[in-house]
Amino acid sequence: PYRAAPLGAVDAERVTSAFYSFSPRMVLEHIDPAWE
C-alpha cells in the first residue's frame, strides 16, 4: 500500500502490472484489504 498509494485505490491487477515481478497471488493478498 505504501508504494501503490500514489496510484490511488487501484485493484490488485493494476498493481501487479505496475510492480511486474511480484506474483499476482502475493499482490492480491496485500492489496485486496489495503484500501479498507
ModelCIF file with pLDDT and N, C-alpha, C, O atoms, coordinates in Angstrom:
data_MODEL
#
_entry.id   MODEL 
#
_entity.id                         1 
_entity.type                       polymer 
_entity.pdbx_number_of_molecules   1 
#
_entity_poly.entity_id                      1 
_entity_poly.type                           'polypeptide(L)' 
_entity_poly.nstd_linkage                   no 
_entity_poly.nstd_monomer                   no 
_entity_poly.pdbx_seq_one_letter_code       PYRAAPLGAVDAERVTSAFYSFSPRMVLEHIDPAWE 
_entity_poly.pdbx_seq_one_letter_code_can   PYRAAPLGAVDAERVTSAFYSFSPRMVLEHIDPAWE 
_entity_poly.pdbx_strand_id                 A 
#
loop_
_entity_poly_seq.entity_id 
_entity_poly_seq.num 
_entity_poly_seq.mon_id 
_entity_poly_seq.hetero 
1 1  PRO n 
1 2  TYR n 
1 3  ARG n 
1 4  ALA n 
1 5  ALA n 
1 6  PRO n 
1 7  LEU n 
1 8  GLY n 
1 9  ALA n 
1 10 VAL n 
1 11 ASP n 
1 12 ALA n 
1 13 GLU n 
1 14 ARG n 
1 15 VAL n 
1 16 THR n 
1 17 SER n 
1 18 ALA n 
1 19 PHE n 
1 20 TYR n 
1 21 SER n 
1 22 PHE n 
1 23 SER n 
1 24 PRO n 
1 25 ARG n 
1 26 MET n 
1 27 VAL n 
1 28 LEU n 
1 29 GLU n 
1 30 HIS n 
1 31 ILE n 
1 32 ASP n 
1 33 PRO n 
1 34 ALA n 
1 35 TRP n 
1 36 GLU n 
#
_struct_asym.id          A 
_struct_asym.entity_id   1 
#
loop_
_ma_qa_metric.id 
_ma_qa_metric.mode 
_ma_qa_metric.name 
_ma_qa_metric.software_group_id 
_ma_qa_metric.type 
1 global pLDDT . pLDDT 
2 local  pLDDT . pLDDT 
#
_ma_qa_metric_global.metric_id      1 
_ma_qa_metric_global.metric_value   97.83 
_ma_qa_metric_global.model_id       1 
_ma_qa_metric_global.ordinal_id     1 
#
loop_
_ma_qa_metric_local.label_asym_id 
_ma_qa_metric_local.label_comp_id 
_ma_qa_metric_local.label_seq_id 
_ma_qa_metric_local.metric_id 
_ma_qa_metric_local.metric_value 
_ma_qa_metric_local.model_id 
_ma_qa_metric_local.ordinal_id 
A PRO 1  2 98.00 1 1  
A TYR 2  2 98.00 1 2  
A ARG 3  2 98.00 1 3  
A ALA 4  2 98.00 1 4  
A ALA 5  2 98.00 1 5  
A PRO 6  2 98.00 1 6  
A LEU 7  2 98.00 1 7  
A GLY 8  2 98.00 1 8  
A ALA 9  2 98.00 1 9  
A VAL 10 2 98.00 1 10 
A ASP 11 2 98.00 1 11 
A ALA 12 2 98.00 1 12 
A GLU 13 2 98.00 1 13 
A ARG 14 2 98.00 1 14 
A VAL 15 2 98.00 1 15 
A THR 16 2 98.00 1 16 
A SER 17 2 98.00 1 17 
A ALA 18 2 98.00 1 18 
A PHE 19 2 98.00 1 19 
A TYR 20 2 97.00 1 20 
A SER 21 2 96.00 1 21 
A PHE 22 2 97.00 1 22 
A SER 23 2 98.00 1 23 
A PRO 24 2 98.00 1 24 
A ARG 25 2 98.00 1 25 
A MET 26 2 98.00 1 26 
A VAL 27 2 98.00 1 27 
A LEU 28 2 98.00 1 28 
A GLU 29 2 98.00 1 29 
A HIS 30 2 98.00 1 30 
A ILE 31 2 98.00 1 31 
A ASP 32 2 97.00 1 32 
A PRO 33 2 97.00 1 33 
A ALA 34 2 98.00 1 34 
A TRP 35 2 98.00 1 35 
A GLU 36 2 98.00 1 36 
#
loop_
_atom_site.group_PDB 
_atom_site.id 
_atom_site.type_symbol 
_atom_site.label_atom_id 
_atom_site.label_alt_id 
_atom_site.label_comp_id 
_atom_site.label_asym_id 
_atom_site.label_entity_id 
_atom_site.label_seq_id 
_atom_site.pdbx_PDB_ins_code 
_atom_site.Cartn_x 
_atom_site.Cartn_y 
_atom_site.Cartn_z 
_atom_site.occupancy 
_atom_site.B_iso_or_equiv 
_atom_site.pdbx_formal_charge 
_atom_site.auth_seq_id 
_atom_site.auth_comp_id 
_atom_site.auth_asym_id 
_atom_site.auth_atom_id 
_atom_site.pdbx_PDB_model_num 
ATOM 1   N N  . PRO A 1 1  ? 0.801   -1.226  0.000   1.00 98.00 ? 1  PRO A N  1 
ATOM 2   C CA . PRO A 1 1  ? 0.000   0.000   0.000   1.00 98.00 ? 1  PRO A CA 1 
ATOM 3   C C  . PRO A 1 1  ? 0.831   1.271   0.000   1.00 98.00 ? 1  PRO A C  1 
ATOM 4   O O  . PRO A 1 1  ? 0.447   2.247   -0.645  1.00 98.00 ? 1  PRO A O  1 
ATOM 5   N N  . TYR A 1 2  ? 1.965   1.291   0.709   1.00 98.00 ? 2  TYR A N  1 
ATOM 6   C CA . TYR A 1 2  ? 2.810   2.487   0.685   1.00 98.00 ? 2  TYR A CA 1 
ATOM 7   C C  . TYR A 1 2  ? 3.277   2.800   -0.735  1.00 98.00 ? 2  TYR A C  1 
ATOM 8   O O  . TYR A 1 2  ? 3.212   3.947   -1.179  1.00 98.00 ? 2  TYR A O  1 
ATOM 9   N N  . ARG A 1 3  ? 3.744   1.782   -1.436  1.00 98.00 ? 3  ARG A N  1 
ATOM 10  C CA . ARG A 1 3  ? 4.284   2.022   -2.769  1.00 98.00 ? 3  ARG A CA 1 
ATOM 11  C C  . ARG A 1 3  ? 3.180   2.290   -3.783  1.00 98.00 ? 3  ARG A C  1 
ATOM 12  O O  . ARG A 1 3  ? 3.364   3.087   -4.704  1.00 98.00 ? 3  ARG A O  1 
ATOM 13  N N  . ALA A 1 4  ? 2.043   1.637   -3.624  1.00 98.00 ? 4  ALA A N  1 
ATOM 14  C CA . ALA A 1 4  ? 0.955   1.783   -4.590  1.00 98.00 ? 4  ALA A CA 1 
ATOM 15  C C  . ALA A 1 4  ? 0.084   3.004   -4.334  1.00 98.00 ? 4  ALA A C  1 
ATOM 16  O O  . ALA A 1 4  ? -0.670  3.408   -5.219  1.00 98.00 ? 4  ALA A O  1 
ATOM 17  N N  . ALA A 1 5  ? 0.163   3.601   -3.155  1.00 98.00 ? 5  ALA A N  1 
ATOM 18  C CA . ALA A 1 5  ? -0.736  4.695   -2.787  1.00 98.00 ? 5  ALA A CA 1 
ATOM 19  C C  . ALA A 1 5  ? -0.798  5.834   -3.802  1.00 98.00 ? 5  ALA A C  1 
ATOM 20  O O  . ALA A 1 5  ? -1.881  6.378   -4.014  1.00 98.00 ? 5  ALA A O  1 
ATOM 21  N N  . PRO A 1 6  ? 0.323   6.228   -4.447  1.00 98.00 ? 6  PRO A N  1 
ATOM 22  C CA . PRO A 1 6  ? 0.207   7.309   -5.437  1.00 98.00 ? 6  PRO A CA 1 
ATOM 23  C C  . PRO A 1 6  ? -0.720  6.976   -6.602  1.00 98.00 ? 6  PRO A C  1 
ATOM 24  O O  . PRO A 1 6  ? -1.228  7.883   -7.261  1.00 98.00 ? 6  PRO A O  1 
ATOM 25  N N  . LEU A 1 7  ? -0.945  5.702   -6.863  1.00 98.00 ? 7  LEU A N  1 
ATOM 26  C CA . LEU A 1 7  ? -1.838  5.286   -7.951  1.00 98.00 ? 7  LEU A CA 1 
ATOM 27  C C  . LEU A 1 7  ? -3.308  5.461   -7.587  1.00 98.00 ? 7  LEU A C  1 
ATOM 28  O O  . LEU A 1 7  ? -4.171  5.434   -8.464  1.00 98.00 ? 7  LEU A O  1 
ATOM 29  N N  . GLY A 1 8  ? -3.599  5.640   -6.298  1.00 98.00 ? 8  GLY A N  1 
ATOM 30  C CA . GLY A 1 8  ? -4.980  5.669   -5.840  1.00 98.00 ? 8  GLY A CA 1 
ATOM 31  C C  . GLY A 1 8  ? -5.416  4.282   -5.415  1.00 98.00 ? 8  GLY A C  1 
ATOM 32  O O  . GLY A 1 8  ? -4.600  3.363   -5.337  1.00 98.00 ? 8  GLY A O  1 
ATOM 33  N N  . ALA A 1 9  ? -6.696  4.129   -5.140  1.00 98.00 ? 9  ALA A N  1 
ATOM 34  C CA . ALA A 1 9  ? -7.225  2.850   -4.642  1.00 98.00 ? 9  ALA A CA 1 
ATOM 35  C C  . ALA A 1 9  ? -7.453  1.869   -5.788  1.00 98.00 ? 9  ALA A C  1 
ATOM 36  O O  . ALA A 1 9  ? -8.583  1.463   -6.057  1.00 98.00 ? 9  ALA A O  1 
ATOM 37  N N  . VAL A 1 10 ? -6.367  1.496   -6.458  1.00 98.00 ? 10 VAL A N  1 
ATOM 38  C CA . VAL A 1 10 ? -6.450  0.607   -7.612  1.00 98.00 ? 10 VAL A CA 1 
ATOM 39  C C  . VAL A 1 10 ? -6.524  -0.840  -7.155  1.00 98.00 ? 10 VAL A C  1 
ATOM 40  O O  . VAL A 1 10 ? -6.165  -1.168  -6.024  1.00 98.00 ? 10 VAL A O  1 
ATOM 41  N N  . ASP A 1 11 ? -6.993  -1.698  -8.047  1.00 98.00 ? 11 ASP A N  1 
ATOM 42  C CA . ASP A 1 11 ? -7.127  -3.111  -7.692  1.00 98.00 ? 11 ASP A CA 1 
ATOM 43  C C  . ASP A 1 11 ? -5.799  -3.842  -7.855  1.00 98.00 ? 11 ASP A C  1 
ATOM 44  O O  . ASP A 1 11 ? -4.828  -3.293  -8.376  1.00 98.00 ? 11 ASP A O  1 
ATOM 45  N N  . ALA A 1 12 ? -5.779  -5.090  -7.399  1.00 98.00 ? 12 ALA A N  1 
ATOM 46  C CA . ALA A 1 12 ? -4.555  -5.884  -7.400  1.00 98.00 ? 12 ALA A CA 1 
ATOM 47  C C  . ALA A 1 12 ? -4.028  -6.126  -8.806  1.00 98.00 ? 12 ALA A C  1 
ATOM 48  O O  . ALA A 1 12 ? -2.817  -6.206  -9.008  1.00 98.00 ? 12 ALA A O  1 
ATOM 49  N N  . GLU A 1 13 ? -4.921  -6.243  -9.774  1.00 98.00 ? 13 GLU A N  1 
ATOM 50  C CA . GLU A 1 13 ? -4.470  -6.493  -11.142 1.00 98.00 ? 13 GLU A CA 1 
ATOM 51  C C  . GLU A 1 13 ? -3.606  -5.353  -11.651 1.00 98.00 ? 13 GLU A C  1 
ATOM 52  O O  . GLU A 1 13 ? -2.586  -5.581  -12.302 1.00 98.00 ? 13 GLU A O  1 
ATOM 53  N N  . ARG A 1 14 ? -4.010  -4.132  -11.358 1.00 98.00 ? 14 ARG A N  1 
ATOM 54  C CA . ARG A 1 14 ? -3.230  -2.997  -11.840 1.00 98.00 ? 14 ARG A CA 1 
ATOM 55  C C  . ARG A 1 14 ? -1.930  -2.825  -11.050 1.00 98.00 ? 14 ARG A C  1 
ATOM 56  O O  . ARG A 1 14 ? -0.921  -2.396  -11.610 1.00 98.00 ? 14 ARG A O  1 
ATOM 57  N N  . VAL A 1 15 ? -1.946  -3.149  -9.781  1.00 98.00 ? 15 VAL A N  1 
ATOM 58  C CA . VAL A 1 15 ? -0.703  -3.112  -9.013  1.00 98.00 ? 15 VAL A CA 1 
ATOM 59  C C  . VAL A 1 15 ? 0.259   -4.191  -9.511  1.00 98.00 ? 15 VAL A C  1 
ATOM 60  O O  . VAL A 1 15 ? 1.459   -3.947  -9.635  1.00 98.00 ? 15 VAL A O  1 
ATOM 61  N N  . THR A 1 16 ? -0.261  -5.370  -9.793  1.00 98.00 ? 16 THR A N  1 
ATOM 62  C CA . THR A 1 16 ? 0.567   -6.447  -10.338 1.00 98.00 ? 16 THR A CA 1 
ATOM 63  C C  . THR A 1 16 ? 1.233   -6.000  -11.631 1.00 98.00 ? 16 THR A C  1 
ATOM 64  O O  . THR A 1 16 ? 2.418   -6.258  -11.841 1.00 98.00 ? 16 THR A O  1 
ATOM 65  N N  . SER A 1 17 ? 0.484   -5.337  -12.491 1.00 98.00 ? 17 SER A N  1 
ATOM 66  C CA . SER A 1 17 ? 1.029   -4.855  -13.754 1.00 98.00 ? 17 SER A CA 1 
ATOM 67  C C  . SER A 1 17 ? 2.131   -3.833  -13.525 1.00 98.00 ? 17 SER A C  1 
ATOM 68  O O  . SER A 1 17 ? 3.186   -3.902  -14.156 1.00 98.00 ? 17 SER A O  1 
ATOM 69  N N  . ALA A 1 18 ? 1.894   -2.890  -12.629 1.00 98.00 ? 18 ALA A N  1 
ATOM 70  C CA . ALA A 1 18 ? 2.860   -1.820  -12.395 1.00 98.00 ? 18 ALA A CA 1 
ATOM 71  C C  . ALA A 1 18 ? 4.118   -2.312  -11.682 1.00 98.00 ? 18 ALA A C  1 
ATOM 72  O O  . ALA A 1 18 ? 5.220   -1.850  -11.980 1.00 98.00 ? 18 ALA A O  1 
ATOM 73  N N  . PHE A 1 19 ? 3.959   -3.254  -10.734 1.00 98.00 ? 19 PHE A N  1 
ATOM 74  C CA . PHE A 1 19 ? 5.105   -3.758  -9.977  1.00 98.00 ? 19 PHE A CA 1 
ATOM 75  C C  . PHE A 1 19 ? 5.853   -4.845  -10.749 1.00 98.00 ? 19 PHE A C  1 
ATOM 76  O O  . PHE A 1 19 ? 7.050   -5.035  -10.535 1.00 98.00 ? 19 PHE A O  1 
ATOM 77  N N  . TYR A 1 20 ? 5.177   -5.546  -11.626 1.00 97.00 ? 20 TYR A N  1 
ATOM 78  C CA . TYR A 1 20 ? 5.689   -6.501  -12.620 1.00 97.00 ? 20 TYR A CA 1 
ATOM 79  C C  . TYR A 1 20 ? 6.218   -7.815  -12.046 1.00 97.00 ? 20 TYR A C  1 
ATOM 80  O O  . TYR A 1 20 ? 5.687   -8.872  -12.386 1.00 97.00 ? 20 TYR A O  1 
ATOM 81  N N  . SER A 1 21 ? 7.233   -7.791  -11.196 1.00 96.00 ? 21 SER A N  1 
ATOM 82  C CA . SER A 1 21 ? 7.924   -9.047  -10.871 1.00 96.00 ? 21 SER A CA 1 
ATOM 83  C C  . SER A 1 21 ? 7.356   -9.785  -9.666  1.00 96.00 ? 21 SER A C  1 
ATOM 84  O O  . SER A 1 21 ? 7.865   -10.845 -9.302  1.00 96.00 ? 21 SER A O  1 
ATOM 85  N N  . PHE A 1 22 ? 6.307   -9.245  -9.036  1.00 97.00 ? 22 PHE A N  1 
ATOM 86  C CA . PHE A 1 22 ? 5.690   -9.948  -7.919  1.00 97.00 ? 22 PHE A CA 1 
ATOM 87  C C  . PHE A 1 22 ? 4.606   -10.908 -8.407  1.00 97.00 ? 22 PHE A C  1 
ATOM 88  O O  . PHE A 1 22 ? 3.902   -10.630 -9.378  1.00 97.00 ? 22 PHE A O  1 
ATOM 89  N N  . SER A 1 23 ? 4.487   -12.039 -7.718  1.00 98.00 ? 23 SER A N  1 
ATOM 90  C CA . SER A 1 23 ? 3.421   -12.980 -8.020  1.00 98.00 ? 23 SER A CA 1 
ATOM 91  C C  . SER A 1 23 ? 2.067   -12.301 -7.851  1.00 98.00 ? 23 SER A C  1 
ATOM 92  O O  . SER A 1 23 ? 1.854   -11.599 -6.862  1.00 98.00 ? 23 SER A O  1 
ATOM 93  N N  . PRO A 1 24 ? 1.142   -12.498 -8.803  1.00 98.00 ? 24 PRO A N  1 
ATOM 94  C CA . PRO A 1 24 ? -0.203  -11.918 -8.636  1.00 98.00 ? 24 PRO A CA 1 
ATOM 95  C C  . PRO A 1 24 ? -0.878  -12.336 -7.341  1.00 98.00 ? 24 PRO A C  1 
ATOM 96  O O  . PRO A 1 24 ? -1.640  -11.560 -6.765  1.00 98.00 ? 24 PRO A O  1 
ATOM 97  N N  . ARG A 1 25 ? -0.611  -13.546 -6.875  1.00 98.00 ? 25 ARG A N  1 
ATOM 98  C CA . ARG A 1 25 ? -1.209  -14.010 -5.617  1.00 98.00 ? 25 ARG A CA 1 
ATOM 99  C C  . ARG A 1 25 ? -0.720  -13.177 -4.442  1.00 98.00 ? 25 ARG A C  1 
ATOM 100 O O  . ARG A 1 25 ? -1.491  -12.840 -3.543  1.00 98.00 ? 25 ARG A O  1 
ATOM 101 N N  . MET A 1 26 ? 0.564   -12.848 -4.457  1.00 98.00 ? 26 MET A N  1 
ATOM 102 C CA . MET A 1 26 ? 1.138   -12.065 -3.368  1.00 98.00 ? 26 MET A CA 1 
ATOM 103 C C  . MET A 1 26 ? 0.572   -10.649 -3.378  1.00 98.00 ? 26 MET A C  1 
ATOM 104 O O  . MET A 1 26 ? 0.253   -10.097 -2.325  1.00 98.00 ? 26 MET A O  1 
ATOM 105 N N  . VAL A 1 27 ? 0.450   -10.069 -4.554  1.00 98.00 ? 27 VAL A N  1 
ATOM 106 C CA . VAL A 1 27 ? -0.115  -8.721  -4.656  1.00 98.00 ? 27 VAL A CA 1 
ATOM 107 C C  . VAL A 1 27 ? -1.560  -8.725  -4.154  1.00 98.00 ? 27 VAL A C  1 
ATOM 108 O O  . VAL A 1 27 ? -1.958  -7.851  -3.384  1.00 98.00 ? 27 VAL A O  1 
ATOM 109 N N  . LEU A 1 28 ? -2.337  -9.709  -4.593  1.00 98.00 ? 28 LEU A N  1 
ATOM 110 C CA . LEU A 1 28 ? -3.739  -9.788  -4.185  1.00 98.00 ? 28 LEU A CA 1 
ATOM 111 C C  . LEU A 1 28 ? -3.862  -9.918  -2.669  1.00 98.00 ? 28 LEU A C  1 
ATOM 112 O O  . LEU A 1 28 ? -4.723  -9.286  -2.057  1.00 98.00 ? 28 LEU A O  1 
ATOM 113 N N  . GLU A 1 29 ? -3.011  -10.730 -2.069  1.00 98.00 ? 29 GLU A N  1 
ATOM 114 C CA . GLU A 1 29 ? -3.052  -10.937 -0.622  1.00 98.00 ? 29 GLU A CA 1 
ATOM 115 C C  . GLU A 1 29 ? -2.935  -9.625  0.142   1.00 98.00 ? 29 GLU A C  1 
ATOM 116 O O  . GLU A 1 29 ? -3.602  -9.435  1.159   1.00 98.00 ? 29 GLU A O  1 
ATOM 117 N N  . HIS A 1 30 ? -2.089  -8.720  -0.344  1.00 98.00 ? 30 HIS A N  1 
ATOM 118 C CA . HIS A 1 30 ? -1.813  -7.498  0.407   1.00 98.00 ? 30 HIS A CA 1 
ATOM 119 C C  . HIS A 1 30 ? -2.590  -6.284  -0.086  1.00 98.00 ? 30 HIS A C  1 
ATOM 120 O O  . HIS A 1 30 ? -2.854  -5.366  0.691   1.00 98.00 ? 30 HIS A O  1 
ATOM 121 N N  . ILE A 1 31 ? -2.959  -6.265  -1.362  1.00 98.00 ? 31 ILE A N  1 
ATOM 122 C CA . ILE A 1 31 ? -3.688  -5.113  -1.891  1.00 98.00 ? 31 ILE A CA 1 
ATOM 123 C C  . ILE A 1 31 ? -5.190  -5.261  -1.693  1.00 98.00 ? 31 ILE A C  1 
ATOM 124 O O  . ILE A 1 31 ? -5.888  -4.263  -1.512  1.00 98.00 ? 31 ILE A O  1 
ATOM 125 N N  . ASP A 1 32 ? -5.696  -6.481  -1.724  1.00 97.00 ? 32 ASP A N  1 
ATOM 126 C CA . ASP A 1 32 ? -7.142  -6.686  -1.612  1.00 97.00 ? 32 ASP A CA 1 
ATOM 127 C C  . ASP A 1 32 ? -7.720  -6.022  -0.353  1.00 97.00 ? 32 ASP A C  1 
ATOM 128 O O  . ASP A 1 32 ? -8.773  -5.390  -0.434  1.00 97.00 ? 32 ASP A O  1 
ATOM 129 N N  . PRO A 1 33 ? -7.053  -6.150  0.818   1.00 97.00 ? 33 PRO A N  1 
ATOM 130 C CA . PRO A 1 33 ? -7.597  -5.481  2.013   1.00 97.00 ? 33 PRO A CA 1 
ATOM 131 C C  . PRO A 1 33 ? -7.033  -4.082  2.255   1.00 97.00 ? 33 PRO A C  1 
ATOM 132 O O  . PRO A 1 33 ? -7.488  -3.382  3.160   1.00 97.00 ? 33 PRO A O  1 
ATOM 133 N N  . ALA A 1 34 ? -6.043  -3.666  1.453   1.00 98.00 ? 34 ALA A N  1 
ATOM 134 C CA . ALA A 1 34 ? -5.252  -2.472  1.794   1.00 98.00 ? 34 ALA A CA 1 
ATOM 135 C C  . ALA A 1 34 ? -6.083  -1.213  1.932   1.00 98.00 ? 34 ALA A C  1 
ATOM 136 O O  . ALA A 1 34 ? -5.922  -0.469  2.899   1.00 98.00 ? 34 ALA A O  1 
ATOM 137 N N  . TRP A 1 35 ? -6.981  -0.958  0.968   1.00 98.00 ? 35 TRP A N  1 
ATOM 138 C CA . TRP A 1 35 ? -7.699  0.317   0.954   1.00 98.00 ? 35 TRP A CA 1 
ATOM 139 C C  . TRP A 1 35 ? -8.871  0.324   1.935   1.00 98.00 ? 35 TRP A C  1 
ATOM 140 O O  . TRP A 1 35 ? -9.446  1.378   2.208   1.00 98.00 ? 35 TRP A O  1 
ATOM 141 N N  . GLU A 1 36 ? -9.227  -0.850  2.467   1.00 98.00 ? 36 GLU A N  1 
ATOM 142 C CA . GLU A 1 36 ? -10.227 -0.879  3.529   1.00 98.00 ? 36 GLU A CA 1 
ATOM 143 C C  . GLU A 1 36 ? -9.598  -0.525  4.876   1.00 98.00 ? 36 GLU A C  1 
ATOM 144 O O  . GLU A 1 36 ? -10.291 -0.498  5.893   1.00 98.00 ? 36 GLU A O  1 
#
